[in-house]
């Protein structure tokens, strides 16, 4: 098995912008705990059609005020070129040099006729490169179990390759719980001549109902044996979290041992689960 490697593994974390002032206050209490682990950067999500734009801006600005390296997500669907250019200029002025470039989704109820000037993420990557050159390191999304809207693994790989050829520097994957899916995807990328780091996205397991809903919506597979164990715990939250921790810890260890170029943790704005994984994996050593 061969995997992409980099001189130094990159370990990063992801937040989402809170919808309320109370949520923002809570997040500001969690961020220092996460930052104490020493992640390379914090990424901040961007809602469908820019629905969390102001919250994203606020969260990014606060992180930057704390001296924290930040990589805002930027989804292009439903946006014009002028709108995207305005956002890019805003981030550039803040000294931000890393972006997560995504197609994104239209808000619920908005038709395809409102899709804006961009159809696909590769068009956004090309636009950023044309307007700002190498001012930004650009991360894009990758799907080890393939994106549900792509129709097939082969078509999904073609889509991914277009993003790389447009100028992406690295990729972050959708979360998964089957390490073989990741390694198989990496090998397919190598055969296709794709040679950028592909960092696994890691989702801690703390709430089975929430995880099942997320997974059904985004196409991430929860292996049957994991589903059965989690379902068997019912409302026993402590057992769900203990089992979930061991599953994700084992997954992370296998990914690191297999040569993954880093890990990107979806924190869900909680410091506890990621802190425990980070420390048991020895990522700060």
C-alpha atoms as a PDB file:
ATOM      1  CA  UNK A   1       0.000   0.000   0.000  1.00  0.00           C
ATOM      2  CA  UNK A   2       1.257   3.449  -0.852  1.00  0.00           C
ATOM      3  CA  UNK A   3      -0.060   6.694   0.555  1.00  0.00           C
ATOM      4  CA  UNK A   4       0.675  10.356   0.143  1.00  0.00           C
ATOM      5  CA  UNK A   5       3.159  11.703   2.643  1.00  0.00           C
ATOM      6  CA  UNK A   6       4.340  15.142   3.625  1.00  0.00           C
ATOM      7  CA  UNK A   7       7.447  16.179   5.586  1.00  0.00           C
ATOM      8  CA  UNK A   8       5.278  16.957   8.599  1.00  0.00           C
ATOM      9  CA  UNK A   9       1.777  15.741   9.297  1.00  0.00           C
ATOM     10  CA  UNK A  10      -0.871  18.432   9.614  1.00  0.00           C
ATOM     11  CA  UNK A  11      -3.421  18.148  12.413  1.00  0.00           C
ATOM     12  CA  UNK A  12      -6.284  20.625  12.238  1.00  0.00           C
ATOM     13  CA  UNK A  13      -9.764  21.224  13.631  1.00  0.00           C
ATOM     14  CA  UNK A  14     -13.105  22.489  12.368  1.00  0.00           C
ATOM     15  CA  UNK A  15     -15.748  24.728  13.937  1.00  0.00           C
ATOM     16  CA  UNK A  16     -19.147  25.919  12.805  1.00  0.00           C
ATOM     17  CA  UNK A  17     -20.384  29.489  13.404  1.00  0.00           C
ATOM     18  CA  UNK A  18     -22.916  29.592  16.273  1.00  0.00           C
ATOM     19  CA  UNK A  19     -26.391  30.897  15.503  1.00  0.00           C
ATOM     20  CA  UNK A  20     -26.839  32.774  18.794  1.00  0.00           C
ATOM     21  CA  UNK A  21     -24.834  35.103  21.023  1.00  0.00           C
ATOM     22  CA  UNK A  22     -25.012  32.465  23.749  1.00  0.00           C
ATOM     23  CA  UNK A  23     -23.575  29.892  21.369  1.00  0.00           C
ATOM     24  CA  UNK A  24     -20.752  32.239  20.466  1.00  0.00           C
ATOM     25  CA  UNK A  25     -19.964  32.816  24.142  1.00  0.00           C
ATOM     26  CA  UNK A  26     -19.795  29.052  24.696  1.00  0.00           C
ATOM     27  CA  UNK A  27     -17.562  28.604  21.663  1.00  0.00           C
ATOM     28  CA  UNK A  28     -15.177  31.269  22.933  1.00  0.00           C
ATOM     29  CA  UNK A  29     -14.780  29.170  26.074  1.00  0.00           C
ATOM     30  CA  UNK A  30     -14.071  26.010  24.084  1.00  0.00           C
ATOM     31  CA  UNK A  31     -11.608  27.451  21.580  1.00  0.00           C
ATOM     32  CA  UNK A  32      -8.725  28.093  24.046  1.00  0.00           C
ATOM     33  CA  UNK A  33      -8.985  24.471  25.222  1.00  0.00           C
ATOM     34  CA  UNK A  34      -8.751  23.215  21.649  1.00  0.00           C
ATOM     35  CA  UNK A  35      -6.037  25.694  20.725  1.00  0.00           C
ATOM     36  CA  UNK A  36      -3.943  24.467  23.666  1.00  0.00           C
ATOM     37  CA  UNK A  37      -3.549  21.188  21.753  1.00  0.00           C
ATOM     38  CA  UNK A  38      -1.599  23.033  19.052  1.00  0.00           C
ATOM     39  CA  UNK A  39      -3.606  22.422  15.869  1.00  0.00           C
ATOM     40  CA  UNK A  40      -2.085  23.775  12.656  1.00  0.00           C
ATOM     41  CA  UNK A  41      -5.241  25.798  12.001  1.00  0.00           C
ATOM     42  CA  UNK A  42      -8.958  26.101  12.690  1.00  0.00           C
ATOM     43  CA  UNK A  43     -11.354  25.870   9.756  1.00  0.00           C
ATOM     44  CA  UNK A  44     -14.765  27.556   9.980  1.00  0.00           C
ATOM     45  CA  UNK A  45     -17.757  26.307   8.013  1.00  0.00           C
ATOM     46  CA  UNK A  46     -19.968  28.361   5.695  1.00  0.00           C
ATOM     47  CA  UNK A  47     -23.678  27.561   5.452  1.00  0.00           C
ATOM     48  CA  UNK A  48     -25.656  26.669   2.354  1.00  0.00           C
ATOM     49  CA  UNK A  49     -25.836  29.616  -0.025  1.00  0.00           C
ATOM     50  CA  UNK A  50     -23.851  31.754   2.424  1.00  0.00           C
ATOM     51  CA  UNK A  51     -26.580  31.382   5.083  1.00  0.00           C
ATOM     52  CA  UNK A  52     -24.022  31.650   7.888  1.00  0.00           C
ATOM     53  CA  UNK A  53     -21.877  34.274   6.159  1.00  0.00           C
ATOM     54  CA  UNK A  54     -21.984  36.867   8.955  1.00  0.00           C
ATOM     55  CA  UNK A  55     -21.523  34.205  11.618  1.00  0.00           C
ATOM     56  CA  UNK A  56     -18.570  32.833   9.687  1.00  0.00           C
ATOM     57  CA  UNK A  57     -17.058  36.310   9.422  1.00  0.00           C
ATOM     58  CA  UNK A  58     -17.566  36.916  13.158  1.00  0.00           C
ATOM     59  CA  UNK A  59     -16.028  33.593  14.143  1.00  0.00           C
ATOM     60  CA  UNK A  60     -13.077  34.028  11.783  1.00  0.00           C
ATOM     61  CA  UNK A  61     -12.467  37.586  13.020  1.00  0.00           C
ATOM     62  CA  UNK A  62     -12.465  36.457  16.645  1.00  0.00           C
ATOM     63  CA  UNK A  63     -10.054  33.609  15.931  1.00  0.00           C
ATOM     64  CA  UNK A  64      -7.732  36.013  14.130  1.00  0.00           C
ATOM     65  CA  UNK A  65      -7.933  38.444  17.065  1.00  0.00           C
ATOM     66  CA  UNK A  66      -6.591  35.621  19.233  1.00  0.00           C
ATOM     67  CA  UNK A  67      -3.680  35.059  16.873  1.00  0.00           C
ATOM     68  CA  UNK A  68      -5.078  31.719  15.681  1.00  0.00           C
ATOM     69  CA  UNK A  69      -4.372  30.559  12.125  1.00  0.00           C
ATOM     70  CA  UNK A  70      -7.742  30.264  10.433  1.00  0.00           C
ATOM     71  CA  UNK A  71      -9.029  28.677   7.237  1.00  0.00           C
ATOM     72  CA  UNK A  72     -12.520  29.884   6.378  1.00  0.00           C
ATOM     73  CA  UNK A  73     -14.739  27.686   4.256  1.00  0.00           C
ATOM     74  CA  UNK A  74     -15.993  29.384   1.127  1.00  0.00           C
ATOM     75  CA  UNK A  75     -18.892  27.799  -0.756  1.00  0.00           C
ATOM     76  CA  UNK A  76     -19.594  29.253  -4.182  1.00  0.00           C
ATOM     77  CA  UNK A  77     -23.005  27.938  -5.198  1.00  0.00           C
ATOM     78  CA  UNK A  78     -25.611  30.701  -5.222  1.00  0.00           C
ATOM     79  CA  UNK A  79     -22.949  33.434  -5.316  1.00  0.00           C
ATOM     80  CA  UNK A  80     -21.791  35.838  -7.991  1.00  0.00           C
ATOM     81  CA  UNK A  81     -18.180  36.424  -8.906  1.00  0.00           C
ATOM     82  CA  UNK A  82     -18.343  39.889  -7.370  1.00  0.00           C
ATOM     83  CA  UNK A  83     -19.654  38.493  -4.082  1.00  0.00           C
ATOM     84  CA  UNK A  84     -16.905  35.892  -3.905  1.00  0.00           C
ATOM     85  CA  UNK A  85     -14.276  38.462  -4.825  1.00  0.00           C
ATOM     86  CA  UNK A  86     -15.489  40.706  -2.003  1.00  0.00           C
ATOM     87  CA  UNK A  87     -15.166  37.869   0.497  1.00  0.00           C
ATOM     88  CA  UNK A  88     -11.706  36.900  -0.747  1.00  0.00           C
ATOM     89  CA  UNK A  89     -10.511  40.497  -0.510  1.00  0.00           C
ATOM     90  CA  UNK A  90     -11.903  40.703   3.028  1.00  0.00           C
ATOM     91  CA  UNK A  91     -10.005  37.598   4.095  1.00  0.00           C
ATOM     92  CA  UNK A  92      -6.827  38.694   2.340  1.00  0.00           C
ATOM     93  CA  UNK A  93      -6.920  41.987   4.248  1.00  0.00           C
ATOM     94  CA  UNK A  94      -7.201  40.014   7.496  1.00  0.00           C
ATOM     95  CA  UNK A  95      -3.982  38.202   6.710  1.00  0.00           C
ATOM     96  CA  UNK A  96      -5.700  34.889   6.068  1.00  0.00           C
ATOM     97  CA  UNK A  97      -3.704  32.666   3.736  1.00  0.00           C
ATOM     98  CA  UNK A  98      -5.687  29.412   3.741  1.00  0.00           C
ATOM     99  CA  UNK A  99      -9.155  28.602   2.402  1.00  0.00           C
ATOM    100  CA  UNK A 100     -11.391  25.558   2.165  1.00  0.00           C
ATOM    101  CA  UNK A 101     -13.017  25.936  -1.271  1.00  0.00           C
ATOM    102  CA  UNK A 102     -16.323  24.121  -1.736  1.00  0.00           C
ATOM    103  CA  UNK A 103     -19.247  24.032  -4.108  1.00  0.00           C
ATOM    104  CA  UNK A 104     -21.720  23.989  -1.232  1.00  0.00           C
ATOM    105  CA  UNK A 105     -25.488  23.601  -1.407  1.00  0.00           C
ATOM    106  CA  UNK A 106     -28.325  25.955  -2.214  1.00  0.00           C
ATOM    107  CA  UNK A 107     -30.540  26.818   0.756  1.00  0.00           C
ATOM    108  CA  UNK A 108     -33.649  24.681   1.074  1.00  0.00           C
ATOM    109  CA  UNK A 109     -36.386  25.886  -1.273  1.00  0.00           C
ATOM    110  CA  UNK A 110     -34.074  27.781  -3.606  1.00  0.00           C
ATOM    111  CA  UNK A 111     -34.195  26.530  -7.176  1.00  0.00           C
ATOM    112  CA  UNK A 112     -31.318  25.760  -9.545  1.00  0.00           C
ATOM    113  CA  UNK A 113     -31.962  29.037 -11.342  1.00  0.00           C
ATOM    114  CA  UNK A 114     -30.442  30.814  -8.355  1.00  0.00           C
ATOM    115  CA  UNK A 115     -27.174  28.860  -8.476  1.00  0.00           C
ATOM    116  CA  UNK A 116     -25.089  31.953  -9.219  1.00  0.00           C
ATOM    117  CA  UNK A 117     -21.969  32.236 -11.350  1.00  0.00           C
ATOM    118  CA  UNK A 118     -20.329  29.016 -10.154  1.00  0.00           C
ATOM    119  CA  UNK A 119     -21.529  25.482 -10.694  1.00  0.00           C
ATOM    120  CA  UNK A 120     -18.658  23.441  -9.302  1.00  0.00           C
ATOM    121  CA  UNK A 121     -15.840  23.777  -6.797  1.00  0.00           C
ATOM    122  CA  UNK A 122     -13.154  23.543  -9.494  1.00  0.00           C
ATOM    123  CA  UNK A 123     -14.534  26.786 -10.943  1.00  0.00           C
ATOM    124  CA  UNK A 124     -14.116  28.449  -7.551  1.00  0.00           C
ATOM    125  CA  UNK A 125     -10.545  27.164  -7.229  1.00  0.00           C
ATOM    126  CA  UNK A 126      -9.719  28.498 -10.696  1.00  0.00           C
ATOM    127  CA  UNK A 127     -11.263  31.864  -9.815  1.00  0.00           C
ATOM    128  CA  UNK A 128      -9.240  32.182  -6.600  1.00  0.00           C
ATOM    129  CA  UNK A 129      -6.028  31.358  -8.455  1.00  0.00           C
ATOM    130  CA  UNK A 130      -6.813  33.815 -11.262  1.00  0.00           C
ATOM    131  CA  UNK A 131      -7.576  36.663  -8.853  1.00  0.00           C
ATOM    132  CA  UNK A 132      -5.070  36.040  -6.051  1.00  0.00           C
ATOM    133  CA  UNK A 133      -2.389  33.732  -7.447  1.00  0.00           C
ATOM    134  CA  UNK A 134      -0.716  31.817  -4.649  1.00  0.00           C
ATOM    135  CA  UNK A 135      -1.871  34.145  -1.869  1.00  0.00           C
ATOM    136  CA  UNK A 136      -4.060  31.354  -0.456  1.00  0.00           C
ATOM    137  CA  UNK A 137      -3.354  27.714   0.270  1.00  0.00           C
ATOM    138  CA  UNK A 138      -6.502  26.048  -1.048  1.00  0.00           C
ATOM    139  CA  UNK A 139      -8.014  22.934   0.501  1.00  0.00           C
ATOM    140  CA  UNK A 140     -10.859  21.122  -1.231  1.00  0.00           C
ATOM    141  CA  UNK A 141     -13.222  18.332  -0.266  1.00  0.00           C
ATOM    142  CA  UNK A 142     -12.696  14.650  -1.042  1.00  0.00           C
ATOM    143  CA  UNK A 143     -15.045  11.703  -0.583  1.00  0.00           C
ATOM    144  CA  UNK A 144     -13.511   8.275   0.118  1.00  0.00           C
ATOM    145  CA  UNK A 145     -16.964   6.699  -0.177  1.00  0.00           C
ATOM    146  CA  UNK A 146     -17.777   9.043  -3.094  1.00  0.00           C
ATOM    147  CA  UNK A 147     -20.172  11.960  -3.069  1.00  0.00           C
ATOM    148  CA  UNK A 148     -23.807  10.794  -3.255  1.00  0.00           C
ATOM    149  CA  UNK A 149     -24.583  13.249  -6.063  1.00  0.00           C
ATOM    150  CA  UNK A 150     -21.706  12.089  -8.280  1.00  0.00           C
ATOM    151  CA  UNK A 151     -23.366   8.813  -9.243  1.00  0.00           C
ATOM    152  CA  UNK A 152     -20.274   6.611  -9.154  1.00  0.00           C
ATOM    153  CA  UNK A 153     -16.760   6.434  -7.671  1.00  0.00           C
ATOM    154  CA  UNK A 154     -15.242   6.951 -11.140  1.00  0.00           C
ATOM    155  CA  UNK A 155     -17.211  10.124 -11.769  1.00  0.00           C
ATOM    156  CA  UNK A 156     -16.451  11.398  -8.289  1.00  0.00           C
ATOM    157  CA  UNK A 157     -12.730  10.836  -8.896  1.00  0.00           C
ATOM    158  CA  UNK A 158     -12.981  12.809 -12.146  1.00  0.00           C
ATOM    159  CA  UNK A 159     -14.612  15.666 -10.257  1.00  0.00           C
ATOM    160  CA  UNK A 160     -11.879  15.582  -7.623  1.00  0.00           C
ATOM    161  CA  UNK A 161      -9.140  15.585 -10.254  1.00  0.00           C
ATOM    162  CA  UNK A 162     -10.643  18.709 -11.841  1.00  0.00           C
ATOM    163  CA  UNK A 163     -10.325  20.518  -8.512  1.00  0.00           C
ATOM    164  CA  UNK A 164      -6.706  19.459  -8.201  1.00  0.00           C
ATOM    165  CA  UNK A 165      -5.897  20.518 -11.748  1.00  0.00           C
ATOM    166  CA  UNK A 166      -7.558  23.886 -11.068  1.00  0.00           C
ATOM    167  CA  UNK A 167      -4.997  24.565  -8.354  1.00  0.00           C
ATOM    168  CA  UNK A 168      -5.961  22.864  -5.084  1.00  0.00           C
ATOM    169  CA  UNK A 169      -3.041  22.327  -2.706  1.00  0.00           C
ATOM    170  CA  UNK A 170      -4.560  19.647  -0.479  1.00  0.00           C
ATOM    171  CA  UNK A 171      -7.845  17.945   0.350  1.00  0.00           C
ATOM    172  CA  UNK A 172      -9.857  17.166   3.460  1.00  0.00           C
ATOM    173  CA  UNK A 173     -12.159  14.166   3.321  1.00  0.00           C
ATOM    174  CA  UNK A 174     -15.719  13.662   4.387  1.00  0.00           C
ATOM    175  CA  UNK A 175     -15.714  11.682   7.637  1.00  0.00           C
ATOM    176  CA  UNK A 176     -15.779   7.893   7.452  1.00  0.00           C
ATOM    177  CA  UNK A 177     -15.311   4.914   9.766  1.00  0.00           C
ATOM    178  CA  UNK A 178     -13.834   2.422   7.309  1.00  0.00           C
ATOM    179  CA  UNK A 179     -10.094   2.974   6.937  1.00  0.00           C
ATOM    180  CA  UNK A 180      -9.998   0.722   3.876  1.00  0.00           C
ATOM    181  CA  UNK A 181     -12.287   3.184   2.067  1.00  0.00           C
ATOM    182  CA  UNK A 182      -9.725   5.935   2.641  1.00  0.00           C
ATOM    183  CA  UNK A 183      -6.715   3.893   1.601  1.00  0.00           C
ATOM    184  CA  UNK A 184      -8.551   2.596  -1.453  1.00  0.00           C
ATOM    185  CA  UNK A 185      -9.445   6.146  -2.449  1.00  0.00           C
ATOM    186  CA  UNK A 186      -5.839   7.295  -2.036  1.00  0.00           C
ATOM    187  CA  UNK A 187      -4.615   4.451  -4.255  1.00  0.00           C
ATOM    188  CA  UNK A 188      -7.206   5.374  -6.899  1.00  0.00           C
ATOM    189  CA  UNK A 189      -5.955   8.962  -6.762  1.00  0.00           C
ATOM    190  CA  UNK A 190      -2.366   7.844  -7.226  1.00  0.00           C
ATOM    191  CA  UNK A 191      -3.331   5.790 -10.270  1.00  0.00           C
ATOM    192  CA  UNK A 192      -5.086   8.861 -11.664  1.00  0.00           C
ATOM    193  CA  UNK A 193      -1.955  10.964 -11.226  1.00  0.00           C
ATOM    194  CA  UNK A 194      -3.313  12.999  -8.305  1.00  0.00           C
ATOM    195  CA  UNK A 195      -0.474  13.929  -5.980  1.00  0.00           C
ATOM    196  CA  UNK A 196      -1.716  16.270  -3.286  1.00  0.00           C
ATOM    197  CA  UNK A 197      -2.056  15.435   0.433  1.00  0.00           C
ATOM    198  CA  UNK A 198      -5.459  13.956   1.245  1.00  0.00           C
ATOM    199  CA  UNK A 199      -6.158  14.491   4.942  1.00  0.00           C
ATOM    200  CA  UNK A 200      -8.789  12.266   6.581  1.00  0.00           C
ATOM    201  CA  UNK A 201     -11.718  14.043   8.212  1.00  0.00           C
ATOM    202  CA  UNK A 202     -12.426  12.629  11.674  1.00  0.00           C
ATOM    203  CA  UNK A 203     -15.841  12.802  13.340  1.00  0.00           C
ATOM    204  CA  UNK A 204     -15.936  11.815  17.036  1.00  0.00           C
ATOM    205  CA  UNK A 205     -18.930   9.682  18.019  1.00  0.00           C
ATOM    206  CA  UNK A 206     -20.830  11.214  20.931  1.00  0.00           C
ATOM    207  CA  UNK A 207     -24.493  11.151  19.866  1.00  0.00           C
ATOM    208  CA  UNK A 208     -25.722   8.253  17.733  1.00  0.00           C
ATOM    209  CA  UNK A 209     -29.038   9.815  16.684  1.00  0.00           C
ATOM    210  CA  UNK A 210     -27.293  12.965  15.481  1.00  0.00           C
ATOM    211  CA  UNK A 211     -24.556  11.001  13.744  1.00  0.00           C
ATOM    212  CA  UNK A 212     -27.050   8.768  11.939  1.00  0.00           C
ATOM    213  CA  UNK A 213     -28.942  11.838  10.707  1.00  0.00           C
ATOM    214  CA  UNK A 214     -25.746  13.520   9.466  1.00  0.00           C
ATOM    215  CA  UNK A 215     -24.564  10.344   7.782  1.00  0.00           C
ATOM    216  CA  UNK A 216     -27.839   9.681   5.998  1.00  0.00           C
ATOM    217  CA  UNK A 217     -27.803  13.244   4.688  1.00  0.00           C
ATOM    218  CA  UNK A 218     -24.212  13.333   3.444  1.00  0.00           C
ATOM    219  CA  UNK A 219     -23.718   9.742   2.332  1.00  0.00           C
ATOM    220  CA  UNK A 220     -21.097   8.806   4.925  1.00  0.00           C
ATOM    221  CA  UNK A 221     -21.391   5.124   5.809  1.00  0.00           C
ATOM    222  CA  UNK A 222     -21.586   3.924   9.388  1.00  0.00           C
ATOM    223  CA  UNK A 223     -20.478   0.264   9.197  1.00  0.00           C
ATOM    224  CA  UNK A 224     -23.179  -2.168  10.258  1.00  0.00           C
ATOM    225  CA  UNK A 225     -21.253  -3.484  13.259  1.00  0.00           C
ATOM    226  CA  UNK A 226     -20.849   0.049  14.609  1.00  0.00           C
ATOM    227  CA  UNK A 227     -24.525   0.881  14.034  1.00  0.00           C
ATOM    228  CA  UNK A 228     -25.654  -2.288  15.809  1.00  0.00           C
ATOM    229  CA  UNK A 229     -23.473  -1.617  18.843  1.00  0.00           C
ATOM    230  CA  UNK A 230     -24.567   2.012  19.070  1.00  0.00           C
ATOM    231  CA  UNK A 231     -28.236   1.097  18.664  1.00  0.00           C
ATOM    232  CA  UNK A 232     -27.830  -1.492  21.402  1.00  0.00           C
ATOM    233  CA  UNK A 233     -26.808   1.143  23.930  1.00  0.00           C
ATOM    234  CA  UNK A 234     -30.150   2.924  23.565  1.00  0.00           C
ATOM    235  CA  UNK A 235     -30.113   6.050  25.739  1.00  0.00           C
ATOM    236  CA  UNK A 236     -26.935   5.060  27.617  1.00  0.00           C
ATOM    237  CA  UNK A 237     -24.937   8.150  26.669  1.00  0.00           C
ATOM    238  CA  UNK A 238     -21.822   7.162  28.613  1.00  0.00           C
ATOM    239  CA  UNK A 239     -21.576   3.795  26.857  1.00  0.00           C
ATOM    240  CA  UNK A 240     -22.147   5.405  23.445  1.00  0.00           C
ATOM    241  CA  UNK A 241     -19.342   7.863  24.063  1.00  0.00           C
ATOM    242  CA  UNK A 242     -16.952   5.258  25.478  1.00  0.00           C
ATOM    243  CA  UNK A 243     -17.513   2.887  22.557  1.00  0.00           C
ATOM    244  CA  UNK A 244     -17.438   5.730  20.043  1.00  0.00           C
ATOM    245  CA  UNK A 245     -14.141   6.959  21.433  1.00  0.00           C
ATOM    246  CA  UNK A 246     -12.508   3.551  21.045  1.00  0.00           C
ATOM    247  CA  UNK A 247     -13.800   3.203  17.476  1.00  0.00           C
ATOM    248  CA  UNK A 248     -12.468   6.599  16.408  1.00  0.00           C
ATOM    249  CA  UNK A 249      -9.214   6.205  18.324  1.00  0.00           C
ATOM    250  CA  UNK A 250      -8.554   2.910  16.529  1.00  0.00           C
ATOM    251  CA  UNK A 251      -9.429   4.478  13.185  1.00  0.00           C
ATOM    252  CA  UNK A 252      -7.024   7.383  13.761  1.00  0.00           C
ATOM    253  CA  UNK A 253      -4.199   5.043  14.759  1.00  0.00           C
ATOM    254  CA  UNK A 254      -4.663   2.945  11.654  1.00  0.00           C
ATOM    255  CA  UNK A 255      -4.729   6.028   9.432  1.00  0.00           C
ATOM    256  CA  UNK A 256      -1.543   7.423  10.942  1.00  0.00           C
ATOM    257  CA  UNK A 257       0.224   4.065  10.768  1.00  0.00           C
ATOM    258  CA  UNK A 258      -0.884   3.752   7.136  1.00  0.00           C
ATOM    259  CA  UNK A 259       0.751   7.035   6.169  1.00  0.00           C
ATOM    260  CA  UNK A 260      -2.092   9.576   6.238  1.00  0.00           C
ATOM    261  CA  UNK A 261      -0.636  13.102   5.947  1.00  0.00           C
ATOM    262  CA  UNK A 262      -2.546  14.353   8.978  1.00  0.00           C
ATOM    263  CA  UNK A 263      -6.007  14.392  10.552  1.00  0.00           C
ATOM    264  CA  UNK A 264      -8.759  17.020  10.446  1.00  0.00           C
ATOM    265  CA  UNK A 265     -11.140  16.832  13.416  1.00  0.00           C
ATOM    266  CA  UNK A 266     -14.780  17.875  13.146  1.00  0.00           C
ATOM    267  CA  UNK A 267     -15.156  19.225  16.683  1.00  0.00           C
ATOM    268  CA  UNK A 268     -18.884  20.108  16.606  1.00  0.00           C
ATOM    269  CA  UNK A 269     -17.735  23.051  18.757  1.00  0.00           C
ATOM    270  CA  UNK A 270     -16.884  20.744  21.666  1.00  0.00           C
ATOM    271  CA  UNK A 271     -13.378  20.507  23.098  1.00  0.00           C
ATOM    272  CA  UNK A 272     -13.772  17.335  25.162  1.00  0.00           C
ATOM    273  CA  UNK A 273     -13.954  14.512  22.582  1.00  0.00           C
ATOM    274  CA  UNK A 274     -11.192  15.949  20.384  1.00  0.00           C
ATOM    275  CA  UNK A 275      -8.945  16.694  23.355  1.00  0.00           C
ATOM    276  CA  UNK A 276      -9.145  13.101  24.553  1.00  0.00           C
ATOM    277  CA  UNK A 277      -8.401  11.696  21.094  1.00  0.00           C
ATOM    278  CA  UNK A 278      -5.585  14.175  20.500  1.00  0.00           C
ATOM    279  CA  UNK A 279      -3.853  13.352  23.780  1.00  0.00           C
ATOM    280  CA  UNK A 280      -4.224   9.577  23.523  1.00  0.00           C
ATOM    281  CA  UNK A 281      -2.835   9.720  19.996  1.00  0.00           C
ATOM    282  CA  UNK A 282       0.108  11.789  21.238  1.00  0.00           C
ATOM    283  CA  UNK A 283      -0.370  14.423  18.532  1.00  0.00           C
ATOM    284  CA  UNK A 284       1.152  17.187  20.643  1.00  0.00           C
ATOM    285  CA  UNK A 285       4.358  15.215  21.270  1.00  0.00           C
END
